Amino acid sequence: MECILLDLTLISATDLKDVNILSKMDVCAVVSISGESKWKQKTPVDKYSGPNPQWNYPMKFTIVESAVQQNQLTLKIKLMSDRSLGDREIGEVHVPIKELLKNLGGHKSEKRSSYSVRLPNGKPKGTVNFAVKFGEKFTAPAPNLHKVEEPVMAYLPGHAVLSYGHPPHGGAYPCPAWGGYPPQPGYGYPPAAAEAKEERTYHGFGSRSPVVGWLVDRR
């Protein structure tokens, strides 16, 4: 599987929409490659420049060349206002990776580019500036999608067998839904209702024991 290393430096943004009302806007950017993976990278928060943040923050992404040529990958830059009561989206930039590669004209050159920011309502407002460079191709082993591994089996006393297949991303199995061993039959105290007393009265006596009542009669 042929791969390419993408070097991206997020330089700055200008004339962004101020989404804060009472305070100065502190801006950061979250960058991802849609269609390739769920990994995201985030710039530091610029606390001094308001709607004209500056980062000069370098990032690296590994992308599959065939996905680039088929125009399946898009560079996504989401601009956020960092706030103590919850971050708020400012806008986004979407650029096809194939377009960036075509504009560069080769893998070794670096080029600065500027793209308009789209607000959540679709209107343009502001600009993002970044530099990109594509590295040399290299071969990475393709994932084996046909390999089937035996599931891991866990046996619990008095409980049904639990079976886990492949672990999720991150290599850890999920915790079982139960919080411990279930109570076994025959253990524990009976309900309070079962402890109700039976009142048994014998003729001429208030004793609850038939033996005591018989001894009193003999006297």
N, C-alpha and C. Protein backbone atom coordinates (compact mmCIF):
# COMPACT_ATOMS: atom_id res chain seq x y z
N MET A 1 0.85 -1.18 0.00
CA MET A 1 0.00 0.00 0.00
C MET A 1 0.88 1.24 0.00
N GLU A 2 0.78 2.05 -1.06
CA GLU A 2 1.59 3.25 -1.19
C GLU A 2 1.01 4.40 -0.35
N CYS A 3 1.86 5.01 0.46
CA CYS A 3 1.43 6.10 1.33
C CYS A 3 2.29 7.33 1.10
N ILE A 4 1.79 8.48 1.53
CA ILE A 4 2.48 9.75 1.42
C ILE A 4 2.39 10.47 2.76
N LEU A 5 3.48 11.11 3.14
CA LEU A 5 3.47 11.90 4.36
C LEU A 5 3.11 13.34 4.01
N LEU A 6 2.09 13.85 4.66
CA LEU A 6 1.63 15.22 4.44
C LEU A 6 2.09 16.09 5.61
N ASP A 7 2.94 17.08 5.31
CA ASP A 7 3.37 18.07 6.31
C ASP A 7 2.51 19.31 6.15
N LEU A 8 1.85 19.68 7.22
CA LEU A 8 0.97 20.85 7.21
C LEU A 8 1.39 21.80 8.33
N THR A 9 1.54 23.07 7.99
CA THR A 9 1.79 24.10 9.00
C THR A 9 0.63 25.07 8.96
N LEU A 10 -0.13 25.10 10.05
CA LEU A 10 -1.25 26.03 10.13
C LEU A 10 -0.71 27.37 10.62
N ILE A 11 -0.69 28.35 9.73
CA ILE A 11 0.00 29.61 10.01
C ILE A 11 -0.88 30.58 10.79
N SER A 12 -2.02 30.95 10.22
CA SER A 12 -2.85 31.99 10.84
C SER A 12 -4.23 32.00 10.23
N ALA A 13 -5.07 32.88 10.76
CA ALA A 13 -6.39 33.16 10.19
C ALA A 13 -6.63 34.66 10.34
N THR A 14 -7.41 35.21 9.44
CA THR A 14 -7.66 36.65 9.47
C THR A 14 -9.15 36.95 9.29
N ASP A 15 -9.57 38.02 9.94
CA ASP A 15 -10.93 38.56 9.79
C ASP A 15 -12.01 37.51 10.05
N LEU A 16 -11.84 36.73 11.11
CA LEU A 16 -12.84 35.74 11.48
C LEU A 16 -14.05 36.43 12.12
N LYS A 17 -15.18 35.77 12.07
CA LYS A 17 -16.37 36.29 12.74
C LYS A 17 -16.19 36.15 14.25
N ASP A 18 -16.46 37.23 14.98
CA ASP A 18 -16.36 37.21 16.43
C ASP A 18 -17.65 36.62 17.00
N VAL A 19 -17.57 35.40 17.54
CA VAL A 19 -18.75 34.72 18.06
C VAL A 19 -18.94 34.98 19.56
N ASN A 20 -18.01 35.71 20.17
CA ASN A 20 -18.15 36.07 21.59
C ASN A 20 -18.87 37.41 21.70
N ILE A 21 -19.62 37.57 22.76
CA ILE A 21 -20.39 38.79 22.94
C ILE A 21 -19.72 39.74 23.94
N LEU A 22 -19.32 39.22 25.08
CA LEU A 22 -18.81 40.07 26.14
C LEU A 22 -17.29 40.00 26.31
N SER A 23 -16.64 38.98 25.78
CA SER A 23 -15.21 38.81 26.00
C SER A 23 -14.47 38.68 24.68
N LYS A 24 -13.15 38.84 24.74
CA LYS A 24 -12.31 38.69 23.56
C LYS A 24 -12.28 37.23 23.13
N MET A 25 -12.21 36.99 21.84
CA MET A 25 -12.26 35.64 21.31
C MET A 25 -10.87 35.01 21.33
N ASP A 26 -10.75 33.81 21.94
CA ASP A 26 -9.52 33.02 21.94
C ASP A 26 -9.73 31.86 20.96
N VAL A 27 -8.90 31.78 19.93
CA VAL A 27 -9.19 30.89 18.80
C VAL A 27 -8.16 29.77 18.71
N CYS A 28 -8.65 28.56 18.42
CA CYS A 28 -7.81 27.41 18.08
C CYS A 28 -8.39 26.74 16.85
N ALA A 29 -7.65 25.81 16.27
CA ALA A 29 -8.10 25.11 15.08
C ALA A 29 -7.94 23.61 15.27
N VAL A 30 -8.94 22.85 14.86
CA VAL A 30 -8.91 21.38 14.90
C VAL A 30 -8.82 20.89 13.47
N VAL A 31 -7.78 20.09 13.18
CA VAL A 31 -7.49 19.66 11.80
C VAL A 31 -7.63 18.15 11.70
N SER A 32 -8.26 17.69 10.62
CA SER A 32 -8.42 16.26 10.36
C SER A 32 -8.45 16.02 8.86
N ILE A 33 -8.28 14.76 8.49
CA ILE A 33 -8.39 14.33 7.09
C ILE A 33 -9.62 13.46 7.00
N SER A 34 -10.72 14.00 6.49
CA SER A 34 -11.95 13.21 6.40
C SER A 34 -11.81 12.17 5.30
N GLY A 35 -12.30 10.96 5.57
CA GLY A 35 -12.20 9.86 4.63
C GLY A 35 -11.00 8.98 4.86
N GLU A 36 -10.04 9.43 5.67
CA GLU A 36 -8.82 8.66 5.91
C GLU A 36 -8.81 8.02 7.29
N SER A 37 -9.06 8.79 8.32
CA SER A 37 -9.04 8.29 9.69
C SER A 37 -9.81 9.25 10.58
N LYS A 38 -9.96 8.85 11.83
CA LYS A 38 -10.68 9.68 12.79
C LYS A 38 -9.71 10.50 13.66
N TRP A 39 -8.42 10.42 13.35
CA TRP A 39 -7.46 11.16 14.15
C TRP A 39 -7.56 12.64 13.87
N LYS A 40 -7.47 13.45 14.93
CA LYS A 40 -7.53 14.89 14.81
C LYS A 40 -6.33 15.50 15.53
N GLN A 41 -5.90 16.66 15.05
CA GLN A 41 -4.84 17.41 15.70
C GLN A 41 -5.33 18.83 15.95
N LYS A 42 -4.83 19.41 17.05
CA LYS A 42 -5.35 20.71 17.48
C LYS A 42 -4.20 21.67 17.73
N THR A 43 -4.38 22.90 17.29
CA THR A 43 -3.38 23.93 17.55
C THR A 43 -3.50 24.44 18.98
N PRO A 44 -2.49 25.13 19.49
CA PRO A 44 -2.65 25.84 20.76
C PRO A 44 -3.68 26.96 20.60
N VAL A 45 -4.21 27.42 21.71
CA VAL A 45 -5.18 28.51 21.70
C VAL A 45 -4.43 29.85 21.69
N ASP A 46 -4.75 30.70 20.70
CA ASP A 46 -4.18 32.05 20.67
C ASP A 46 -5.07 32.96 21.52
N LYS A 47 -4.53 33.42 22.64
CA LYS A 47 -5.31 34.22 23.59
C LYS A 47 -5.11 35.72 23.43
N TYR A 48 -4.42 36.12 22.36
CA TYR A 48 -4.05 37.53 22.26
C TYR A 48 -4.53 38.21 20.98
N SER A 49 -4.88 37.45 19.95
CA SER A 49 -5.09 38.05 18.63
C SER A 49 -6.55 38.18 18.23
N GLY A 50 -7.48 37.73 19.04
CA GLY A 50 -8.89 37.87 18.72
C GLY A 50 -9.25 37.21 17.39
N PRO A 51 -9.90 37.94 16.46
CA PRO A 51 -10.34 37.35 15.19
C PRO A 51 -9.21 37.17 14.17
N ASN A 52 -7.97 37.45 14.58
CA ASN A 52 -6.82 37.29 13.68
C ASN A 52 -5.74 36.43 14.35
N PRO A 53 -6.06 35.18 14.67
CA PRO A 53 -5.14 34.33 15.42
C PRO A 53 -3.92 33.93 14.60
N GLN A 54 -2.82 33.66 15.30
CA GLN A 54 -1.59 33.18 14.69
C GLN A 54 -1.11 31.96 15.46
N TRP A 55 -0.72 30.91 14.73
CA TRP A 55 -0.28 29.67 15.38
C TRP A 55 1.11 29.22 14.93
N ASN A 56 1.33 29.18 13.59
CA ASN A 56 2.57 28.60 13.03
C ASN A 56 2.83 27.22 13.62
N TYR A 57 1.79 26.40 13.59
CA TYR A 57 1.81 25.10 14.27
C TYR A 57 1.96 23.97 13.24
N PRO A 58 3.03 23.16 13.32
CA PRO A 58 3.25 22.07 12.35
C PRO A 58 2.49 20.80 12.73
N MET A 59 2.03 20.09 11.72
CA MET A 59 1.32 18.82 11.89
C MET A 59 1.77 17.85 10.80
N LYS A 60 1.61 16.56 11.06
CA LYS A 60 1.94 15.53 10.07
C LYS A 60 0.79 14.55 9.97
N PHE A 61 0.47 14.16 8.73
CA PHE A 61 -0.55 13.16 8.46
C PHE A 61 -0.01 12.15 7.45
N THR A 62 -0.33 10.88 7.64
CA THR A 62 0.00 9.85 6.67
C THR A 62 -1.26 9.49 5.90
N ILE A 63 -1.19 9.60 4.57
CA ILE A 63 -2.37 9.37 3.73
C ILE A 63 -2.06 8.31 2.68
N VAL A 64 -3.10 7.64 2.22
CA VAL A 64 -2.97 6.60 1.20
C VAL A 64 -3.07 7.25 -0.18
N GLU A 65 -2.06 7.00 -1.02
CA GLU A 65 -2.00 7.68 -2.32
C GLU A 65 -3.20 7.34 -3.20
N SER A 66 -3.62 6.09 -3.22
CA SER A 66 -4.76 5.70 -4.07
C SER A 66 -6.02 6.45 -3.67
N ALA A 67 -6.21 6.69 -2.37
CA ALA A 67 -7.37 7.45 -1.91
C ALA A 67 -7.29 8.90 -2.36
N VAL A 68 -6.06 9.44 -2.42
CA VAL A 68 -5.88 10.81 -2.92
C VAL A 68 -6.26 10.89 -4.39
N GLN A 69 -5.74 9.95 -5.20
CA GLN A 69 -6.00 9.97 -6.63
C GLN A 69 -7.48 9.77 -6.96
N GLN A 70 -8.18 9.06 -6.09
CA GLN A 70 -9.62 8.85 -6.30
C GLN A 70 -10.46 9.98 -5.68
N ASN A 71 -9.78 11.01 -5.20
CA ASN A 71 -10.43 12.19 -4.63
C ASN A 71 -11.35 11.83 -3.46
N GLN A 72 -10.87 10.96 -2.58
CA GLN A 72 -11.66 10.52 -1.43
C GLN A 72 -11.28 11.23 -0.14
N LEU A 73 -10.20 12.02 -0.16
CA LEU A 73 -9.70 12.63 1.07
C LEU A 73 -9.86 14.14 1.02
N THR A 74 -10.24 14.71 2.17
CA THR A 74 -10.45 16.15 2.27
C THR A 74 -9.79 16.67 3.54
N LEU A 75 -9.03 17.74 3.40
CA LEU A 75 -8.46 18.42 4.56
C LEU A 75 -9.56 19.27 5.20
N LYS A 76 -9.78 19.06 6.48
CA LYS A 76 -10.84 19.76 7.20
C LYS A 76 -10.24 20.56 8.35
N ILE A 77 -10.45 21.87 8.34
CA ILE A 77 -9.96 22.75 9.40
C ILE A 77 -11.17 23.40 10.06
N LYS A 78 -11.38 23.09 11.32
CA LYS A 78 -12.50 23.66 12.07
C LYS A 78 -11.96 24.68 13.07
N LEU A 79 -12.45 25.90 12.97
CA LEU A 79 -12.02 26.99 13.85
C LEU A 79 -12.98 27.10 15.03
N MET A 80 -12.42 27.16 16.23
CA MET A 80 -13.23 27.16 17.44
C MET A 80 -12.85 28.32 18.35
N SER A 81 -13.84 28.89 19.02
CA SER A 81 -13.61 29.88 20.07
C SER A 81 -13.55 29.15 21.40
N ASP A 82 -12.40 29.21 22.05
CA ASP A 82 -12.19 28.51 23.32
C ASP A 82 -12.84 29.34 24.44
N ARG A 83 -13.82 28.72 25.12
CA ARG A 83 -14.57 29.43 26.17
C ARG A 83 -14.74 28.54 27.38
N SER A 84 -14.77 29.15 28.54
CA SER A 84 -14.88 28.40 29.79
C SER A 84 -16.24 27.72 29.93
N LEU A 85 -17.26 28.29 29.32
CA LEU A 85 -18.61 27.72 29.41
C LEU A 85 -18.94 26.83 28.22
N GLY A 86 -17.93 26.46 27.45
CA GLY A 86 -18.16 25.60 26.29
C GLY A 86 -17.67 26.25 25.02
N ASP A 87 -16.88 25.51 24.23
CA ASP A 87 -16.35 26.06 22.98
C ASP A 87 -17.47 26.29 21.98
N ARG A 88 -17.22 27.25 21.09
CA ARG A 88 -18.22 27.57 20.06
C ARG A 88 -17.56 27.58 18.70
N GLU A 89 -18.22 26.96 17.73
CA GLU A 89 -17.66 26.89 16.38
C GLU A 89 -17.72 28.24 15.69
N ILE A 90 -16.62 28.61 15.02
CA ILE A 90 -16.57 29.84 14.25
C ILE A 90 -16.86 29.55 12.78
N GLY A 91 -16.21 28.56 12.23
CA GLY A 91 -16.40 28.20 10.83
C GLY A 91 -15.46 27.08 10.43
N GLU A 92 -15.52 26.66 9.16
CA GLU A 92 -14.73 25.55 8.67
C GLU A 92 -14.14 25.85 7.30
N VAL A 93 -13.05 25.11 7.00
CA VAL A 93 -12.44 25.13 5.67
C VAL A 93 -12.31 23.68 5.21
N HIS A 94 -12.78 23.39 4.00
CA HIS A 94 -12.67 22.06 3.42
C HIS A 94 -11.91 22.17 2.11
N VAL A 95 -10.82 21.39 1.98
CA VAL A 95 -10.00 21.42 0.76
C VAL A 95 -9.69 19.98 0.36
N PRO A 96 -10.04 19.55 -0.86
CA PRO A 96 -9.66 18.21 -1.31
C PRO A 96 -8.14 18.05 -1.34
N ILE A 97 -7.63 16.94 -0.83
CA ILE A 97 -6.18 16.69 -0.84
C ILE A 97 -5.66 16.61 -2.27
N LYS A 98 -6.45 16.08 -3.17
CA LYS A 98 -6.03 15.98 -4.57
C LYS A 98 -5.79 17.37 -5.16
N GLU A 99 -6.61 18.33 -4.77
CA GLU A 99 -6.43 19.71 -5.24
C GLU A 99 -5.12 20.30 -4.73
N LEU A 100 -4.79 20.04 -3.46
CA LEU A 100 -3.53 20.54 -2.91
C LEU A 100 -2.35 19.93 -3.64
N LEU A 101 -2.42 18.62 -3.89
CA LEU A 101 -1.33 17.93 -4.58
C LEU A 101 -1.16 18.46 -6.00
N LYS A 102 -2.24 18.72 -6.67
CA LYS A 102 -2.20 19.24 -8.04
C LYS A 102 -1.62 20.65 -8.07
N ASN A 103 -1.99 21.48 -7.11
CA ASN A 103 -1.50 22.85 -7.06
C ASN A 103 0.01 22.91 -6.79
N LEU A 104 0.51 21.92 -6.03
CA LEU A 104 1.94 21.91 -5.74
C LEU A 104 2.76 21.50 -6.96
N GLY A 105 2.23 20.62 -7.79
CA GLY A 105 2.95 20.17 -8.97
C GLY A 105 4.05 19.18 -8.67
N GLY A 106 4.17 18.71 -7.45
CA GLY A 106 5.19 17.73 -7.09
C GLY A 106 5.16 17.48 -5.60
N HIS A 107 5.83 16.42 -5.16
CA HIS A 107 5.77 16.02 -3.76
C HIS A 107 6.77 16.75 -2.89
N LYS A 108 7.82 17.35 -3.45
CA LYS A 108 8.91 17.88 -2.65
C LYS A 108 8.79 19.37 -2.37
N SER A 109 8.00 20.07 -3.12
CA SER A 109 7.90 21.51 -2.93
C SER A 109 6.90 21.87 -1.84
N GLU A 110 7.09 23.02 -1.23
CA GLU A 110 6.17 23.53 -0.21
C GLU A 110 5.48 24.78 -0.74
N LYS A 111 4.22 24.90 -0.44
CA LYS A 111 3.47 26.04 -0.96
C LYS A 111 2.51 26.55 0.10
N ARG A 112 2.43 27.88 0.19
CA ARG A 112 1.46 28.50 1.09
C ARG A 112 0.15 28.71 0.34
N SER A 113 -0.94 28.48 1.05
CA SER A 113 -2.27 28.62 0.46
C SER A 113 -3.18 29.35 1.42
N SER A 114 -4.21 29.99 0.88
CA SER A 114 -5.22 30.67 1.69
C SER A 114 -6.60 30.27 1.18
N TYR A 115 -7.50 29.96 2.11
CA TYR A 115 -8.85 29.53 1.75
C TYR A 115 -9.86 30.25 2.63
N SER A 116 -11.01 30.52 2.05
CA SER A 116 -12.09 31.21 2.79
C SER A 116 -12.71 30.30 3.83
N VAL A 117 -13.12 30.90 4.94
CA VAL A 117 -13.80 30.18 6.01
C VAL A 117 -15.30 30.26 5.76
N ARG A 118 -15.96 29.13 5.89
CA ARG A 118 -17.41 29.07 5.77
C ARG A 118 -18.04 29.00 7.16
N LEU A 119 -18.96 29.93 7.41
CA LEU A 119 -19.67 29.93 8.69
C LEU A 119 -20.64 28.75 8.74
N PRO A 120 -21.18 28.41 9.93
CA PRO A 120 -22.16 27.33 10.01
C PRO A 120 -23.37 27.53 9.11
N ASN A 121 -23.70 28.78 8.77
CA ASN A 121 -24.84 29.03 7.87
C ASN A 121 -24.45 29.00 6.40
N GLY A 122 -23.15 28.71 6.12
CA GLY A 122 -22.71 28.57 4.74
C GLY A 122 -22.11 29.83 4.13
N LYS A 123 -22.21 30.96 4.80
CA LYS A 123 -21.69 32.21 4.26
C LYS A 123 -20.18 32.31 4.51
N PRO A 124 -19.43 32.92 3.58
CA PRO A 124 -17.98 33.07 3.78
C PRO A 124 -17.67 34.25 4.69
N LYS A 125 -16.69 34.04 5.57
CA LYS A 125 -16.26 35.11 6.47
C LYS A 125 -14.89 34.74 7.02
N GLY A 126 -13.85 35.46 6.60
CA GLY A 126 -12.51 35.22 7.09
C GLY A 126 -11.71 34.30 6.18
N THR A 127 -10.41 34.17 6.51
CA THR A 127 -9.47 33.39 5.70
C THR A 127 -8.53 32.62 6.61
N VAL A 128 -8.17 31.41 6.17
CA VAL A 128 -7.18 30.59 6.87
C VAL A 128 -5.95 30.47 5.97
N ASN A 129 -4.76 30.62 6.56
CA ASN A 129 -3.50 30.54 5.83
C ASN A 129 -2.68 29.36 6.35
N PHE A 130 -2.20 28.53 5.44
CA PHE A 130 -1.40 27.37 5.84
C PHE A 130 -0.41 27.03 4.73
N ALA A 131 0.58 26.21 5.08
CA ALA A 131 1.58 25.73 4.13
C ALA A 131 1.54 24.21 4.13
N VAL A 132 1.67 23.60 2.94
CA VAL A 132 1.64 22.15 2.82
C VAL A 132 2.85 21.66 2.04
N LYS A 133 3.26 20.46 2.37
CA LYS A 133 4.35 19.80 1.66
C LYS A 133 4.11 18.30 1.69
N PHE A 134 4.25 17.66 0.55
CA PHE A 134 4.09 16.21 0.46
C PHE A 134 5.46 15.55 0.43
N GLY A 135 5.64 14.53 1.24
CA GLY A 135 6.91 13.81 1.29
C GLY A 135 6.97 12.71 0.24
N GLU A 136 8.06 11.95 0.29
CA GLU A 136 8.25 10.84 -0.65
C GLU A 136 7.25 9.72 -0.35
N LYS A 137 6.95 8.95 -1.38
CA LYS A 137 6.08 7.79 -1.19
C LYS A 137 6.83 6.72 -0.41
N PHE A 138 6.09 5.96 0.34
CA PHE A 138 6.65 4.79 1.01
C PHE A 138 5.59 3.71 1.07
N THR A 139 6.04 2.49 1.24
CA THR A 139 5.14 1.34 1.24
C THR A 139 4.84 0.90 2.67
N ALA A 140 3.58 0.80 2.97
CA ALA A 140 3.14 0.35 4.29
C ALA A 140 2.35 -0.95 4.11
N PRO A 141 2.45 -1.88 5.05
CA PRO A 141 1.70 -3.14 4.92
C PRO A 141 0.20 -2.89 4.95
N ALA A 142 -0.49 -3.52 4.02
CA ALA A 142 -1.95 -3.37 3.96
C ALA A 142 -2.58 -4.17 5.09
N PRO A 143 -3.66 -3.68 5.68
CA PRO A 143 -4.34 -4.43 6.75
C PRO A 143 -4.94 -5.72 6.20
N ASN A 144 -4.80 -6.80 6.99
CA ASN A 144 -5.35 -8.11 6.60
C ASN A 144 -6.81 -8.17 7.04
N LEU A 145 -7.70 -7.96 6.06
CA LEU A 145 -9.13 -7.93 6.38
C LEU A 145 -9.76 -9.32 6.44
N HIS A 146 -8.99 -10.36 6.03
CA HIS A 146 -9.57 -11.71 5.98
C HIS A 146 -9.12 -12.59 7.14
N LYS A 147 -8.20 -12.10 7.95
CA LYS A 147 -7.73 -12.88 9.07
C LYS A 147 -8.77 -12.92 10.17
N VAL A 148 -9.07 -14.11 10.63
CA VAL A 148 -10.07 -14.29 11.70
C VAL A 148 -9.37 -14.87 12.91
N GLU A 149 -9.48 -14.22 14.02
CA GLU A 149 -8.87 -14.70 15.25
C GLU A 149 -9.93 -15.32 16.15
N GLU A 150 -9.47 -16.28 16.97
CA GLU A 150 -10.38 -16.92 17.90
C GLU A 150 -10.81 -15.90 18.96
N PRO A 151 -12.08 -15.87 19.29
CA PRO A 151 -12.52 -14.93 20.33
C PRO A 151 -11.99 -15.32 21.69
N VAL A 152 -11.86 -14.36 22.55
CA VAL A 152 -11.43 -14.60 23.93
C VAL A 152 -12.66 -14.95 24.76
N MET A 153 -12.59 -16.07 25.49
CA MET A 153 -13.73 -16.54 26.25
C MET A 153 -13.49 -16.30 27.73
N ALA A 154 -14.51 -15.83 28.40
CA ALA A 154 -14.43 -15.61 29.85
C ALA A 154 -15.56 -16.37 30.51
N TYR A 155 -15.22 -17.24 31.49
CA TYR A 155 -16.21 -18.05 32.18
C TYR A 155 -16.40 -17.52 33.59
N LEU A 156 -17.63 -17.35 34.00
CA LEU A 156 -17.94 -16.84 35.34
C LEU A 156 -18.75 -17.89 36.09
N PRO A 157 -18.46 -18.10 37.39
CA PRO A 157 -19.22 -19.09 38.17
C PRO A 157 -20.71 -18.78 38.14
N GLY A 158 -21.52 -19.77 37.79
CA GLY A 158 -22.96 -19.59 37.82
C GLY A 158 -23.47 -18.59 36.83
N HIS A 159 -22.69 -18.27 35.79
CA HIS A 159 -23.09 -17.22 34.86
C HIS A 159 -22.91 -17.74 33.44
N ALA A 160 -23.59 -17.14 32.51
CA ALA A 160 -23.46 -17.55 31.12
C ALA A 160 -22.08 -17.16 30.61
N VAL A 161 -21.64 -17.85 29.56
CA VAL A 161 -20.33 -17.58 28.97
C VAL A 161 -20.39 -16.26 28.22
N LEU A 162 -19.38 -15.38 28.44
CA LEU A 162 -19.27 -14.12 27.73
C LEU A 162 -18.21 -14.26 26.66
N SER A 163 -18.50 -13.77 25.49
CA SER A 163 -17.55 -13.88 24.39
C SER A 163 -17.27 -12.51 23.82
N TYR A 164 -15.98 -12.20 23.66
CA TYR A 164 -15.56 -10.96 23.04
C TYR A 164 -14.82 -11.29 21.75
N GLY A 165 -15.12 -10.56 20.70
CA GLY A 165 -14.40 -10.73 19.45
C GLY A 165 -13.17 -9.85 19.45
N HIS A 166 -12.93 -9.16 18.35
CA HIS A 166 -11.77 -8.30 18.25
C HIS A 166 -11.94 -7.09 19.16
N PRO A 167 -10.85 -6.64 19.80
CA PRO A 167 -10.96 -5.46 20.65
C PRO A 167 -11.21 -4.23 19.82
N PRO A 168 -11.88 -3.20 20.38
CA PRO A 168 -12.09 -1.95 19.65
C PRO A 168 -10.79 -1.20 19.50
N HIS A 169 -10.86 -0.08 18.77
CA HIS A 169 -9.67 0.73 18.55
C HIS A 169 -9.10 1.18 19.88
N GLY A 170 -7.79 1.00 20.06
CA GLY A 170 -7.16 1.33 21.32
C GLY A 170 -6.66 0.11 22.05
N GLY A 171 -7.12 -1.11 21.62
CA GLY A 171 -6.59 -2.35 22.14
C GLY A 171 -7.19 -2.80 23.45
N ALA A 172 -8.24 -2.19 23.93
CA ALA A 172 -8.84 -2.57 25.21
C ALA A 172 -10.23 -3.12 24.99
N TYR A 173 -10.56 -4.17 25.72
CA TYR A 173 -11.90 -4.73 25.65
C TYR A 173 -12.86 -3.91 26.51
N PRO A 174 -14.11 -3.85 26.14
CA PRO A 174 -15.06 -3.12 26.98
C PRO A 174 -15.33 -3.84 28.27
N CYS A 175 -15.65 -3.09 29.32
CA CYS A 175 -15.98 -3.71 30.60
C CYS A 175 -17.34 -4.39 30.51
N PRO A 176 -17.52 -5.51 31.15
CA PRO A 176 -18.84 -6.14 31.16
C PRO A 176 -19.87 -5.23 31.78
N ALA A 177 -21.12 -5.44 31.43
CA ALA A 177 -22.18 -4.56 31.90
C ALA A 177 -22.49 -4.78 33.38
N TRP A 178 -22.17 -5.99 33.88
CA TRP A 178 -22.50 -6.23 35.29
C TRP A 178 -21.41 -5.68 36.18
N GLY A 179 -21.73 -5.48 37.46
CA GLY A 179 -20.76 -4.88 38.38
C GLY A 179 -20.18 -5.87 39.36
N GLY A 180 -20.26 -7.16 39.15
CA GLY A 180 -19.72 -8.16 40.05
C GLY A 180 -20.42 -9.48 39.80
N TYR A 181 -20.17 -10.46 40.65
CA TYR A 181 -20.82 -11.76 40.49
C TYR A 181 -22.28 -11.66 40.90
N PRO A 182 -23.17 -12.30 40.17
CA PRO A 182 -24.58 -12.28 40.57
C PRO A 182 -24.79 -13.13 41.81
N PRO A 183 -25.78 -12.82 42.65
CA PRO A 183 -26.04 -13.63 43.85
C PRO A 183 -26.44 -15.04 43.46
N GLN A 184 -25.91 -16.05 44.20
CA GLN A 184 -26.20 -17.44 43.91
C GLN A 184 -27.48 -17.88 44.61
N PRO A 185 -28.19 -18.87 44.05
CA PRO A 185 -29.43 -19.36 44.69
C PRO A 185 -29.14 -19.91 46.08
N GLY A 186 -30.01 -19.58 47.03
CA GLY A 186 -29.86 -20.12 48.38
C GLY A 186 -29.07 -19.23 49.31
N TYR A 187 -28.50 -18.16 48.81
CA TYR A 187 -27.73 -17.26 49.66
C TYR A 187 -28.57 -16.05 50.05
N GLY A 188 -28.18 -15.45 51.19
CA GLY A 188 -28.86 -14.24 51.62
C GLY A 188 -29.97 -14.54 52.61
N TYR A 189 -30.55 -13.49 53.16
CA TYR A 189 -31.62 -13.60 54.15
C TYR A 189 -32.97 -13.55 53.45
N PRO A 190 -33.96 -14.23 54.04
CA PRO A 190 -35.30 -14.18 53.44
C PRO A 190 -35.90 -12.79 53.62
N PRO A 191 -36.88 -12.44 52.82
CA PRO A 191 -37.54 -11.13 52.96
C PRO A 191 -38.17 -10.97 54.32
N ALA A 192 -38.36 -9.75 54.74
CA ALA A 192 -38.92 -9.46 56.06
C ALA A 192 -40.31 -10.03 56.21
N ALA A 193 -41.06 -10.15 55.13
CA ALA A 193 -42.43 -10.65 55.20
C ALA A 193 -42.46 -12.09 55.65
N ALA A 194 -41.34 -12.83 55.36
CA ALA A 194 -41.31 -14.25 55.74
C ALA A 194 -41.09 -14.42 57.23
N GLU A 195 -40.73 -13.33 57.92
CA GLU A 195 -40.45 -13.44 59.34
C GLU A 195 -41.68 -13.11 60.18
N ALA A 196 -42.84 -12.94 59.56
CA ALA A 196 -44.06 -12.63 60.33
C ALA A 196 -44.40 -13.79 61.27
N LYS A 197 -44.82 -13.46 62.46
CA LYS A 197 -45.08 -14.50 63.46
C LYS A 197 -46.50 -15.04 63.30
N GLU A 198 -46.62 -16.35 63.57
CA GLU A 198 -47.92 -16.99 63.52
C GLU A 198 -48.46 -17.05 64.95
N GLU A 199 -49.63 -16.52 65.14
CA GLU A 199 -50.24 -16.56 66.47
C GLU A 199 -51.07 -17.85 66.58
N ARG A 200 -50.64 -18.73 67.52
CA ARG A 200 -51.39 -19.97 67.73
C ARG A 200 -51.84 -20.01 69.21
N THR A 201 -53.13 -20.03 69.48
CA THR A 201 -53.66 -20.00 70.85
C THR A 201 -54.33 -21.35 71.15
N TYR A 202 -54.00 -21.90 72.29
CA TYR A 202 -54.58 -23.16 72.69
C TYR A 202 -55.68 -22.92 73.73
N HIS A 203 -56.60 -23.87 73.81
CA HIS A 203 -57.78 -23.72 74.65
C HIS A 203 -57.41 -23.53 76.11
N GLY A 204 -57.76 -22.41 76.67
CA GLY A 204 -57.53 -22.13 78.08
C GLY A 204 -56.17 -21.55 78.38
N PHE A 205 -55.29 -21.50 77.41
CA PHE A 205 -53.94 -20.99 77.66
C PHE A 205 -53.54 -20.04 76.55
N GLY A 206 -52.66 -19.13 76.90
CA GLY A 206 -52.14 -18.19 75.90
C GLY A 206 -50.80 -18.61 75.38
N SER A 207 -50.34 -19.82 75.72
CA SER A 207 -49.01 -20.27 75.31
C SER A 207 -48.99 -20.52 73.82
N ARG A 208 -47.78 -20.25 73.19
CA ARG A 208 -47.62 -20.52 71.77
C ARG A 208 -47.08 -21.91 71.54
N SER A 209 -46.66 -22.62 72.60
CA SER A 209 -46.08 -23.93 72.42
C SER A 209 -47.06 -24.99 72.86
N PRO A 210 -47.35 -25.98 72.00
CA PRO A 210 -48.29 -27.05 72.40
C PRO A 210 -47.73 -27.90 73.51
N VAL A 211 -46.39 -28.03 73.62
CA VAL A 211 -45.80 -28.85 74.67
C VAL A 211 -46.00 -28.18 76.03
N VAL A 212 -45.75 -26.88 76.09
CA VAL A 212 -45.95 -26.16 77.35
C VAL A 212 -47.41 -26.24 77.77
N GLY A 213 -48.31 -26.07 76.83
CA GLY A 213 -49.74 -26.15 77.18
C GLY A 213 -50.12 -27.53 77.72
N TRP A 214 -49.55 -28.63 77.23
CA TRP A 214 -49.85 -29.98 77.68
C TRP A 214 -49.33 -30.19 79.07
N LEU A 215 -48.13 -29.68 79.39
CA LEU A 215 -47.58 -29.83 80.74
C LEU A 215 -48.43 -29.08 81.76
N VAL A 216 -48.94 -27.95 81.43
CA VAL A 216 -49.78 -27.19 82.35
C VAL A 216 -51.06 -27.94 82.63
N ASP A 217 -51.64 -28.64 81.63
CA ASP A 217 -52.88 -29.39 81.81
C ASP A 217 -52.65 -30.56 82.76
N ARG A 218 -51.46 -31.18 82.70
CA ARG A 218 -51.22 -32.35 83.57
C ARG A 218 -51.14 -31.92 85.02
N ARG A 219 -50.72 -30.69 85.27
CA ARG A 219 -50.66 -30.22 86.65
C ARG A 219 -52.05 -29.94 87.18
